Amino acid sequence: MKQFFSFPNPVNDAAARTVAIGVLTMAVVALATNWAWILVPLTYGFVARVAAGPKISPLGQFATRVAAPRLSAWHKSVPGPPKRFAQTMGLAFTGSATIVWLTAGWSDARWILVPLILAAALEGFLGYCLGCTVFGWLIRAGAIPEAVCLECGDLSLRRGANSVNSR
C-alpha cells in the first residue's frame, strides 16, 4: 500500500509540463465558460497526484503515457519532492476554490483560480515551477528538512544539474 501512495522521484519534466498545460486548459475553460463544475475534476486530479503521483490521475496518465514520450525536447529528470509540493499547492488553490464555490458561489470562487493559472502557465510553457521555487526557499529557511531533497537545498548540487530549481 505504501508503494501505491508514493510519488515518483525523479520526475520526467515533460510529464510535469504536460500536466501543467492540462491544468491551465481546464482552469481557463472554467473561467471562460463559467463552468464551475470543472473544479471537481480539477481538484480530484490534484488529490490523486499528491496522494499517488500519476497512478490514479487521468491527466497524469495521459501526461506520462501519451504526451511525455512524444516531447523529447522537454525530457529531463527533475527532483520529485518539489513537484509533489507544487501539486499540493495546486490542491490548496483548487480545494479552496471548490469550497468557496459550494459555500459562497462561483463569482467569489473563480478568482482563486487566477494564481493557479499563472503558475501552470509558467510551468507548462516556460518550464519554471513556482511551487519548486517555494519548496527550495522553505528548505533553505529550515521549514522543510534538507534530507527531503538534498539537491533542492544545496545550490552547489544544482549549478551543473539539469533541474527546474536551478533556473
N, C-alpha and C. Protein backbone atom coordinates (compact mmCIF):
# COMPACT_ATOMS: atom_id res chain seq x y z
N MET A 1 0.82 -1.19 0.00
CA MET A 1 0.00 0.00 0.00
C MET A 1 0.87 1.26 0.00
N LYS A 2 1.98 1.20 0.76
CA LYS A 2 2.88 2.36 0.82
C LYS A 2 3.44 2.66 -0.57
N GLN A 3 3.74 1.62 -1.34
CA GLN A 3 4.27 1.80 -2.69
C GLN A 3 3.24 2.50 -3.58
N PHE A 4 1.96 2.16 -3.39
CA PHE A 4 0.91 2.78 -4.20
C PHE A 4 0.84 4.27 -3.92
N PHE A 5 0.89 4.64 -2.65
CA PHE A 5 0.80 6.04 -2.27
C PHE A 5 2.18 6.66 -2.20
N SER A 6 2.88 6.61 -3.32
CA SER A 6 4.20 7.21 -3.41
C SER A 6 4.22 8.16 -4.60
N PHE A 7 5.23 8.99 -4.63
CA PHE A 7 5.37 9.96 -5.70
C PHE A 7 6.68 9.65 -6.42
N PRO A 8 6.71 9.71 -7.73
CA PRO A 8 7.94 9.37 -8.44
C PRO A 8 9.09 10.33 -8.12
N ASN A 9 10.28 9.80 -8.07
CA ASN A 9 11.47 10.61 -7.88
C ASN A 9 12.62 9.89 -8.57
N PRO A 10 13.14 10.45 -9.64
CA PRO A 10 12.85 11.75 -10.23
C PRO A 10 11.58 11.73 -11.08
N VAL A 11 11.23 12.92 -11.54
CA VAL A 11 10.05 13.13 -12.37
C VAL A 11 10.52 13.55 -13.77
N ASN A 12 9.83 13.06 -14.78
CA ASN A 12 10.11 13.49 -16.15
C ASN A 12 9.49 14.89 -16.32
N ASP A 13 10.32 15.87 -16.62
CA ASP A 13 9.83 17.23 -16.75
C ASP A 13 8.80 17.39 -17.86
N ALA A 14 8.90 16.58 -18.91
CA ALA A 14 7.92 16.64 -19.99
C ALA A 14 6.53 16.27 -19.47
N ALA A 15 6.45 15.28 -18.59
CA ALA A 15 5.16 14.90 -18.00
C ALA A 15 4.65 16.00 -17.09
N ALA A 16 5.53 16.58 -16.28
CA ALA A 16 5.11 17.66 -15.38
C ALA A 16 4.59 18.86 -16.15
N ARG A 17 5.26 19.21 -17.23
CA ARG A 17 4.82 20.34 -18.04
C ARG A 17 3.51 20.04 -18.76
N THR A 18 3.32 18.79 -19.18
CA THR A 18 2.06 18.40 -19.81
C THR A 18 0.91 18.50 -18.82
N VAL A 19 1.12 18.04 -17.60
CA VAL A 19 0.09 18.16 -16.57
C VAL A 19 -0.24 19.64 -16.35
N ALA A 20 0.77 20.48 -16.29
CA ALA A 20 0.54 21.91 -16.07
C ALA A 20 -0.30 22.51 -17.21
N ILE A 21 -0.02 22.12 -18.43
CA ILE A 21 -0.81 22.63 -19.56
C ILE A 21 -2.25 22.13 -19.47
N GLY A 22 -2.44 20.89 -19.03
CA GLY A 22 -3.79 20.37 -18.83
C GLY A 22 -4.54 21.14 -17.74
N VAL A 23 -3.86 21.41 -16.64
CA VAL A 23 -4.46 22.19 -15.55
C VAL A 23 -4.80 23.60 -16.03
N LEU A 24 -3.88 24.20 -16.74
CA LEU A 24 -4.11 25.54 -17.29
C LEU A 24 -5.34 25.55 -18.19
N THR A 25 -5.42 24.57 -19.07
CA THR A 25 -6.56 24.50 -20.00
C THR A 25 -7.88 24.36 -19.26
N MET A 26 -7.92 23.46 -18.28
CA MET A 26 -9.15 23.26 -17.52
C MET A 26 -9.56 24.52 -16.76
N ALA A 27 -8.60 25.17 -16.13
CA ALA A 27 -8.90 26.37 -15.34
C ALA A 27 -9.36 27.52 -16.24
N VAL A 28 -8.72 27.69 -17.38
CA VAL A 28 -9.12 28.76 -18.30
C VAL A 28 -10.52 28.48 -18.86
N VAL A 29 -10.81 27.23 -19.20
CA VAL A 29 -12.15 26.87 -19.69
C VAL A 29 -13.18 27.15 -18.60
N ALA A 30 -12.88 26.81 -17.36
CA ALA A 30 -13.81 27.06 -16.26
C ALA A 30 -14.11 28.56 -16.15
N LEU A 31 -13.07 29.38 -16.23
CA LEU A 31 -13.28 30.83 -16.13
C LEU A 31 -14.02 31.39 -17.34
N ALA A 32 -13.65 30.96 -18.53
CA ALA A 32 -14.23 31.49 -19.76
C ALA A 32 -15.69 31.10 -19.95
N THR A 33 -16.06 29.92 -19.46
CA THR A 33 -17.42 29.42 -19.68
C THR A 33 -18.32 29.53 -18.44
N ASN A 34 -17.71 29.89 -17.31
CA ASN A 34 -18.42 29.89 -16.02
C ASN A 34 -18.90 28.50 -15.64
N TRP A 35 -18.17 27.48 -16.07
CA TRP A 35 -18.49 26.10 -15.71
C TRP A 35 -17.77 25.74 -14.42
N ALA A 36 -18.38 26.08 -13.32
CA ALA A 36 -17.77 25.82 -12.02
C ALA A 36 -17.56 24.33 -11.77
N TRP A 37 -18.36 23.49 -12.37
CA TRP A 37 -18.24 22.05 -12.17
C TRP A 37 -16.86 21.51 -12.54
N ILE A 38 -16.12 22.25 -13.38
CA ILE A 38 -14.77 21.82 -13.76
C ILE A 38 -13.86 21.77 -12.54
N LEU A 39 -14.23 22.49 -11.48
CA LEU A 39 -13.44 22.42 -10.25
C LEU A 39 -13.39 21.00 -9.68
N VAL A 40 -14.43 20.22 -9.90
CA VAL A 40 -14.48 18.86 -9.35
C VAL A 40 -13.38 17.98 -9.95
N PRO A 41 -13.30 17.83 -11.29
CA PRO A 41 -12.20 17.02 -11.82
C PRO A 41 -10.82 17.66 -11.62
N LEU A 42 -10.78 18.97 -11.61
CA LEU A 42 -9.51 19.66 -11.38
C LEU A 42 -8.99 19.37 -9.98
N THR A 43 -9.86 19.47 -8.99
CA THR A 43 -9.48 19.19 -7.61
C THR A 43 -9.15 17.71 -7.43
N TYR A 44 -9.97 16.83 -8.01
CA TYR A 44 -9.67 15.41 -7.92
C TYR A 44 -8.28 15.10 -8.47
N GLY A 45 -7.94 15.69 -9.59
CA GLY A 45 -6.64 15.46 -10.20
C GLY A 45 -5.50 15.80 -9.26
N PHE A 46 -5.62 16.93 -8.55
CA PHE A 46 -4.58 17.30 -7.61
C PHE A 46 -4.54 16.35 -6.42
N VAL A 47 -5.70 15.95 -5.90
CA VAL A 47 -5.74 14.98 -4.81
C VAL A 47 -5.06 13.69 -5.24
N ALA A 48 -5.39 13.21 -6.43
CA ALA A 48 -4.82 11.96 -6.94
C ALA A 48 -3.31 12.06 -7.10
N ARG A 49 -2.84 13.17 -7.68
CA ARG A 49 -1.39 13.30 -7.93
C ARG A 49 -0.61 13.50 -6.64
N VAL A 50 -1.17 14.23 -5.67
CA VAL A 50 -0.50 14.38 -4.38
C VAL A 50 -0.43 13.04 -3.67
N ALA A 51 -1.52 12.28 -3.71
CA ALA A 51 -1.59 11.01 -3.00
C ALA A 51 -0.74 9.92 -3.63
N ALA A 52 -0.75 9.82 -4.96
CA ALA A 52 -0.14 8.65 -5.60
C ALA A 52 0.59 8.97 -6.90
N GLY A 53 1.00 10.20 -7.09
CA GLY A 53 1.65 10.55 -8.35
C GLY A 53 0.65 10.41 -9.50
N PRO A 54 1.11 10.01 -10.66
CA PRO A 54 0.19 9.94 -11.80
C PRO A 54 -0.68 8.67 -11.85
N LYS A 55 -0.51 7.75 -10.90
CA LYS A 55 -1.17 6.44 -10.97
C LYS A 55 -2.69 6.50 -11.11
N ILE A 56 -3.36 7.37 -10.37
CA ILE A 56 -4.83 7.41 -10.38
C ILE A 56 -5.35 8.74 -10.90
N SER A 57 -4.51 9.48 -11.59
CA SER A 57 -4.89 10.75 -12.18
C SER A 57 -5.02 10.57 -13.69
N PRO A 58 -6.22 10.78 -14.25
CA PRO A 58 -6.35 10.66 -15.71
C PRO A 58 -5.38 11.59 -16.46
N LEU A 59 -5.25 12.82 -15.99
CA LEU A 59 -4.32 13.75 -16.62
C LEU A 59 -2.87 13.28 -16.44
N GLY A 60 -2.55 12.77 -15.27
CA GLY A 60 -1.21 12.23 -15.02
C GLY A 60 -0.91 11.04 -15.91
N GLN A 61 -1.89 10.16 -16.11
CA GLN A 61 -1.71 9.02 -17.00
C GLN A 61 -1.49 9.46 -18.45
N PHE A 62 -2.29 10.43 -18.89
CA PHE A 62 -2.12 10.96 -20.25
C PHE A 62 -0.72 11.57 -20.40
N ALA A 63 -0.30 12.34 -19.40
CA ALA A 63 0.99 13.01 -19.46
C ALA A 63 2.15 12.02 -19.52
N THR A 64 2.10 10.99 -18.68
CA THR A 64 3.23 10.05 -18.61
C THR A 64 3.22 9.02 -19.72
N ARG A 65 2.04 8.60 -20.17
CA ARG A 65 1.97 7.51 -21.15
C ARG A 65 1.84 7.98 -22.60
N VAL A 66 1.22 9.14 -22.81
CA VAL A 66 0.95 9.58 -24.18
C VAL A 66 1.81 10.79 -24.56
N ALA A 67 1.70 11.86 -23.81
CA ALA A 67 2.35 13.12 -24.21
C ALA A 67 3.86 13.13 -23.99
N ALA A 68 4.31 12.80 -22.78
CA ALA A 68 5.74 12.90 -22.46
C ALA A 68 6.63 12.09 -23.40
N PRO A 69 6.26 10.86 -23.77
CA PRO A 69 7.13 10.13 -24.68
C PRO A 69 7.32 10.82 -26.04
N ARG A 70 6.40 11.70 -26.40
CA ARG A 70 6.47 12.39 -27.68
C ARG A 70 7.14 13.76 -27.58
N LEU A 71 7.44 14.21 -26.37
CA LEU A 71 8.02 15.54 -26.18
C LEU A 71 9.49 15.43 -25.80
N SER A 72 10.27 14.89 -26.69
CA SER A 72 11.68 14.63 -26.37
C SER A 72 12.46 15.89 -26.04
N ALA A 73 12.07 17.03 -26.57
CA ALA A 73 12.78 18.28 -26.28
C ALA A 73 12.64 18.68 -24.81
N TRP A 74 11.59 18.22 -24.16
CA TRP A 74 11.35 18.57 -22.76
C TRP A 74 11.84 17.50 -21.79
N HIS A 75 12.38 16.41 -22.30
CA HIS A 75 12.81 15.32 -21.43
C HIS A 75 14.01 15.72 -20.59
N LYS A 76 13.83 15.66 -19.30
CA LYS A 76 14.91 15.75 -18.33
C LYS A 76 14.35 15.29 -17.01
N SER A 77 15.21 14.80 -16.16
CA SER A 77 14.78 14.34 -14.84
C SER A 77 14.94 15.48 -13.85
N VAL A 78 13.89 15.69 -13.07
CA VAL A 78 13.90 16.71 -12.03
C VAL A 78 13.48 16.05 -10.72
N PRO A 79 13.89 16.62 -9.59
CA PRO A 79 13.54 16.01 -8.29
C PRO A 79 12.02 15.91 -8.08
N GLY A 80 11.59 14.80 -7.50
CA GLY A 80 10.17 14.57 -7.24
C GLY A 80 9.58 15.35 -6.08
N PRO A 81 10.28 15.48 -4.93
CA PRO A 81 9.66 16.17 -3.79
C PRO A 81 9.15 17.58 -4.08
N PRO A 82 9.89 18.42 -4.82
CA PRO A 82 9.34 19.75 -5.11
C PRO A 82 8.11 19.69 -6.02
N LYS A 83 8.08 18.70 -6.92
CA LYS A 83 6.91 18.56 -7.80
C LYS A 83 5.69 18.15 -6.99
N ARG A 84 5.89 17.29 -6.00
CA ARG A 84 4.76 16.90 -5.14
C ARG A 84 4.29 18.12 -4.34
N PHE A 85 5.23 18.93 -3.87
CA PHE A 85 4.87 20.15 -3.16
C PHE A 85 4.07 21.08 -4.07
N ALA A 86 4.50 21.21 -5.33
CA ALA A 86 3.77 22.05 -6.28
C ALA A 86 2.36 21.52 -6.50
N GLN A 87 2.20 20.19 -6.57
CA GLN A 87 0.87 19.61 -6.70
C GLN A 87 0.02 19.92 -5.46
N THR A 88 0.67 19.93 -4.30
CA THR A 88 -0.04 20.25 -3.06
C THR A 88 -0.50 21.70 -3.07
N MET A 89 0.33 22.59 -3.60
CA MET A 89 -0.09 23.99 -3.73
C MET A 89 -1.29 24.09 -4.68
N GLY A 90 -1.27 23.35 -5.77
CA GLY A 90 -2.41 23.33 -6.69
C GLY A 90 -3.66 22.82 -6.01
N LEU A 91 -3.50 21.80 -5.18
CA LEU A 91 -4.63 21.27 -4.41
C LEU A 91 -5.18 22.33 -3.46
N ALA A 92 -4.30 23.09 -2.83
CA ALA A 92 -4.76 24.15 -1.92
C ALA A 92 -5.62 25.17 -2.67
N PHE A 93 -5.18 25.54 -3.87
CA PHE A 93 -5.96 26.52 -4.64
C PHE A 93 -7.28 25.94 -5.15
N THR A 94 -7.22 24.75 -5.76
CA THR A 94 -8.46 24.19 -6.30
C THR A 94 -9.40 23.75 -5.18
N GLY A 95 -8.85 23.21 -4.09
CA GLY A 95 -9.69 22.84 -2.95
C GLY A 95 -10.37 24.06 -2.35
N SER A 96 -9.62 25.14 -2.21
CA SER A 96 -10.21 26.39 -1.69
C SER A 96 -11.28 26.91 -2.64
N ALA A 97 -10.99 26.89 -3.93
CA ALA A 97 -11.98 27.37 -4.90
C ALA A 97 -13.25 26.52 -4.86
N THR A 98 -13.10 25.22 -4.70
CA THR A 98 -14.26 24.34 -4.63
C THR A 98 -15.10 24.63 -3.39
N ILE A 99 -14.44 24.79 -2.26
CA ILE A 99 -15.17 25.10 -1.02
C ILE A 99 -15.88 26.44 -1.13
N VAL A 100 -15.19 27.45 -1.66
CA VAL A 100 -15.82 28.77 -1.82
C VAL A 100 -16.99 28.68 -2.80
N TRP A 101 -16.82 27.94 -3.89
CA TRP A 101 -17.91 27.77 -4.87
C TRP A 101 -19.14 27.16 -4.20
N LEU A 102 -18.94 26.13 -3.39
CA LEU A 102 -20.05 25.45 -2.76
C LEU A 102 -20.70 26.26 -1.64
N THR A 103 -19.95 27.17 -1.03
CA THR A 103 -20.49 27.93 0.10
C THR A 103 -20.88 29.36 -0.26
N ALA A 104 -20.12 30.00 -1.14
CA ALA A 104 -20.37 31.41 -1.44
C ALA A 104 -20.72 31.67 -2.90
N GLY A 105 -20.46 30.71 -3.76
CA GLY A 105 -20.81 30.87 -5.17
C GLY A 105 -19.60 31.03 -6.08
N TRP A 106 -19.87 30.83 -7.36
CA TRP A 106 -18.83 30.86 -8.38
C TRP A 106 -18.20 32.24 -8.54
N SER A 107 -18.98 33.29 -8.39
CA SER A 107 -18.42 34.64 -8.60
C SER A 107 -17.29 34.95 -7.63
N ASP A 108 -17.32 34.37 -6.44
CA ASP A 108 -16.22 34.54 -5.49
C ASP A 108 -15.11 33.51 -5.72
N ALA A 109 -15.49 32.29 -6.07
CA ALA A 109 -14.52 31.21 -6.20
C ALA A 109 -13.62 31.35 -7.43
N ARG A 110 -14.15 31.89 -8.49
CA ARG A 110 -13.41 31.91 -9.75
C ARG A 110 -12.08 32.64 -9.65
N TRP A 111 -11.99 33.64 -8.82
CA TRP A 111 -10.76 34.43 -8.73
C TRP A 111 -9.63 33.67 -8.05
N ILE A 112 -9.97 32.63 -7.32
CA ILE A 112 -8.93 31.81 -6.68
C ILE A 112 -8.14 31.04 -7.73
N LEU A 113 -8.72 30.86 -8.91
CA LEU A 113 -8.03 30.13 -9.98
C LEU A 113 -6.94 30.96 -10.67
N VAL A 114 -6.97 32.27 -10.52
CA VAL A 114 -6.01 33.12 -11.23
C VAL A 114 -4.56 32.79 -10.87
N PRO A 115 -4.18 32.69 -9.59
CA PRO A 115 -2.79 32.31 -9.30
C PRO A 115 -2.43 30.92 -9.82
N LEU A 116 -3.40 30.00 -9.80
CA LEU A 116 -3.18 28.66 -10.33
C LEU A 116 -2.89 28.73 -11.83
N ILE A 117 -3.63 29.55 -12.54
CA ILE A 117 -3.43 29.72 -13.98
C ILE A 117 -2.04 30.28 -14.26
N LEU A 118 -1.64 31.27 -13.49
CA LEU A 118 -0.31 31.86 -13.69
C LEU A 118 0.80 30.85 -13.43
N ALA A 119 0.69 30.10 -12.33
CA ALA A 119 1.70 29.09 -12.01
C ALA A 119 1.73 27.99 -13.07
N ALA A 120 0.58 27.54 -13.51
CA ALA A 120 0.51 26.48 -14.52
C ALA A 120 1.07 26.95 -15.86
N ALA A 121 0.84 28.21 -16.21
CA ALA A 121 1.38 28.76 -17.45
C ALA A 121 2.91 28.83 -17.39
N LEU A 122 3.44 29.26 -16.26
CA LEU A 122 4.90 29.32 -16.11
C LEU A 122 5.51 27.93 -16.27
N GLU A 123 4.91 26.95 -15.61
CA GLU A 123 5.42 25.57 -15.67
C GLU A 123 5.26 24.99 -17.07
N GLY A 124 4.05 25.10 -17.61
CA GLY A 124 3.76 24.46 -18.88
C GLY A 124 4.52 25.02 -20.06
N PHE A 125 4.59 26.33 -20.15
CA PHE A 125 5.19 26.96 -21.33
C PHE A 125 6.66 27.32 -21.17
N LEU A 126 7.07 27.66 -19.95
CA LEU A 126 8.45 28.09 -19.73
C LEU A 126 9.28 27.08 -18.96
N GLY A 127 8.64 26.08 -18.37
CA GLY A 127 9.37 25.09 -17.59
C GLY A 127 9.83 25.63 -16.24
N TYR A 128 9.21 26.71 -15.78
CA TYR A 128 9.57 27.29 -14.48
C TYR A 128 8.51 26.88 -13.45
N CYS A 129 8.92 26.08 -12.48
CA CYS A 129 7.99 25.57 -11.47
C CYS A 129 8.00 26.50 -10.25
N LEU A 130 6.95 27.27 -10.10
CA LEU A 130 6.84 28.20 -8.98
C LEU A 130 6.80 27.45 -7.66
N GLY A 131 6.06 26.34 -7.60
CA GLY A 131 6.00 25.53 -6.39
C GLY A 131 7.36 24.98 -6.02
N CYS A 132 8.15 24.60 -7.03
CA CYS A 132 9.50 24.09 -6.78
C CYS A 132 10.39 25.18 -6.20
N THR A 133 10.22 26.40 -6.68
CA THR A 133 10.99 27.53 -6.16
C THR A 133 10.65 27.78 -4.70
N VAL A 134 9.36 27.78 -4.38
CA VAL A 134 8.93 27.97 -2.98
C VAL A 134 9.47 26.83 -2.12
N PHE A 135 9.44 25.61 -2.63
CA PHE A 135 9.97 24.45 -1.92
C PHE A 135 11.45 24.67 -1.57
N GLY A 136 12.23 25.13 -2.53
CA GLY A 136 13.64 25.41 -2.28
C GLY A 136 13.84 26.48 -1.22
N TRP A 137 13.01 27.52 -1.27
CA TRP A 137 13.08 28.58 -0.25
C TRP A 137 12.79 28.01 1.14
N LEU A 138 11.76 27.14 1.22
CA LEU A 138 11.39 26.56 2.51
C LEU A 138 12.49 25.65 3.05
N ILE A 139 13.18 24.95 2.18
CA ILE A 139 14.32 24.13 2.63
C ILE A 139 15.42 25.03 3.17
N ARG A 140 15.77 26.07 2.41
CA ARG A 140 16.84 26.97 2.85
C ARG A 140 16.47 27.71 4.13
N ALA A 141 15.17 27.93 4.36
CA ALA A 141 14.72 28.60 5.58
C ALA A 141 14.62 27.63 6.76
N GLY A 142 14.76 26.33 6.50
CA GLY A 142 14.68 25.33 7.55
C GLY A 142 13.29 24.83 7.85
N ALA A 143 12.28 25.26 7.08
CA ALA A 143 10.90 24.84 7.31
C ALA A 143 10.65 23.41 6.82
N ILE A 144 11.43 22.98 5.83
CA ILE A 144 11.38 21.61 5.33
C ILE A 144 12.78 21.04 5.52
N PRO A 145 12.89 19.85 6.12
CA PRO A 145 14.23 19.26 6.33
C PRO A 145 14.96 19.07 5.00
N GLU A 146 16.22 19.40 4.99
CA GLU A 146 17.03 19.29 3.77
C GLU A 146 17.09 17.84 3.28
N ALA A 147 16.97 16.89 4.20
CA ALA A 147 17.03 15.47 3.83
C ALA A 147 15.89 15.06 2.89
N VAL A 148 14.81 15.84 2.86
CA VAL A 148 13.69 15.53 1.97
C VAL A 148 14.15 15.61 0.51
N CYS A 149 15.04 16.54 0.22
CA CYS A 149 15.55 16.69 -1.14
C CYS A 149 16.91 17.39 -1.06
N LEU A 150 17.97 16.60 -1.01
CA LEU A 150 19.31 17.17 -0.87
C LEU A 150 19.63 18.12 -2.02
N GLU A 151 19.25 17.74 -3.22
CA GLU A 151 19.52 18.58 -4.39
C GLU A 151 18.81 19.93 -4.30
N CYS A 152 17.66 19.96 -3.68
CA CYS A 152 16.86 21.18 -3.61
C CYS A 152 17.45 22.22 -2.67
N GLY A 153 18.08 21.78 -1.60
CA GLY A 153 18.60 22.71 -0.61
C GLY A 153 20.04 23.12 -0.85
N ASP A 154 20.81 22.31 -1.55
CA ASP A 154 22.23 22.58 -1.78
C ASP A 154 22.42 23.14 -3.18
N LEU A 155 22.63 24.44 -3.26
CA LEU A 155 22.77 25.09 -4.55
C LEU A 155 23.96 24.55 -5.33
N SER A 156 25.01 24.11 -4.65
CA SER A 156 26.18 23.60 -5.37
C SER A 156 25.86 22.33 -6.13
N LEU A 157 24.90 21.55 -5.65
CA LEU A 157 24.49 20.34 -6.36
C LEU A 157 23.70 20.67 -7.62
N ARG A 158 23.09 21.85 -7.63
CA ARG A 158 22.21 22.21 -8.74
C ARG A 158 22.88 23.04 -9.81
N ARG A 159 24.00 23.63 -9.53
CA ARG A 159 24.62 24.52 -10.52
C ARG A 159 24.85 23.84 -11.85
N GLY A 160 25.36 22.65 -11.82
CA GLY A 160 25.62 21.92 -13.05
C GLY A 160 24.51 20.96 -13.40
N ALA A 161 23.56 20.81 -12.51
CA ALA A 161 22.48 19.83 -12.72
C ALA A 161 21.44 20.37 -13.69
N ASN A 162 20.70 19.48 -14.24
CA ASN A 162 19.63 19.82 -15.15
C ASN A 162 18.33 19.86 -14.36
N SER A 163 18.10 20.93 -13.61
CA SER A 163 16.98 20.97 -12.68
C SER A 163 16.16 22.23 -12.85
N VAL A 164 14.85 22.12 -12.68
CA VAL A 164 13.96 23.26 -12.73
C VAL A 164 14.35 24.28 -11.67
N ASN A 165 14.77 23.79 -10.50
CA ASN A 165 15.06 24.70 -9.40
C ASN A 165 16.31 25.53 -9.64
N SER A 166 17.13 25.19 -10.61
CA SER A 166 18.35 25.94 -10.84
C SER A 166 18.12 27.15 -11.72
N ARG A 167 16.90 27.32 -12.18
CA ARG A 167 16.60 28.46 -13.05
C ARG A 167 16.38 29.71 -12.24
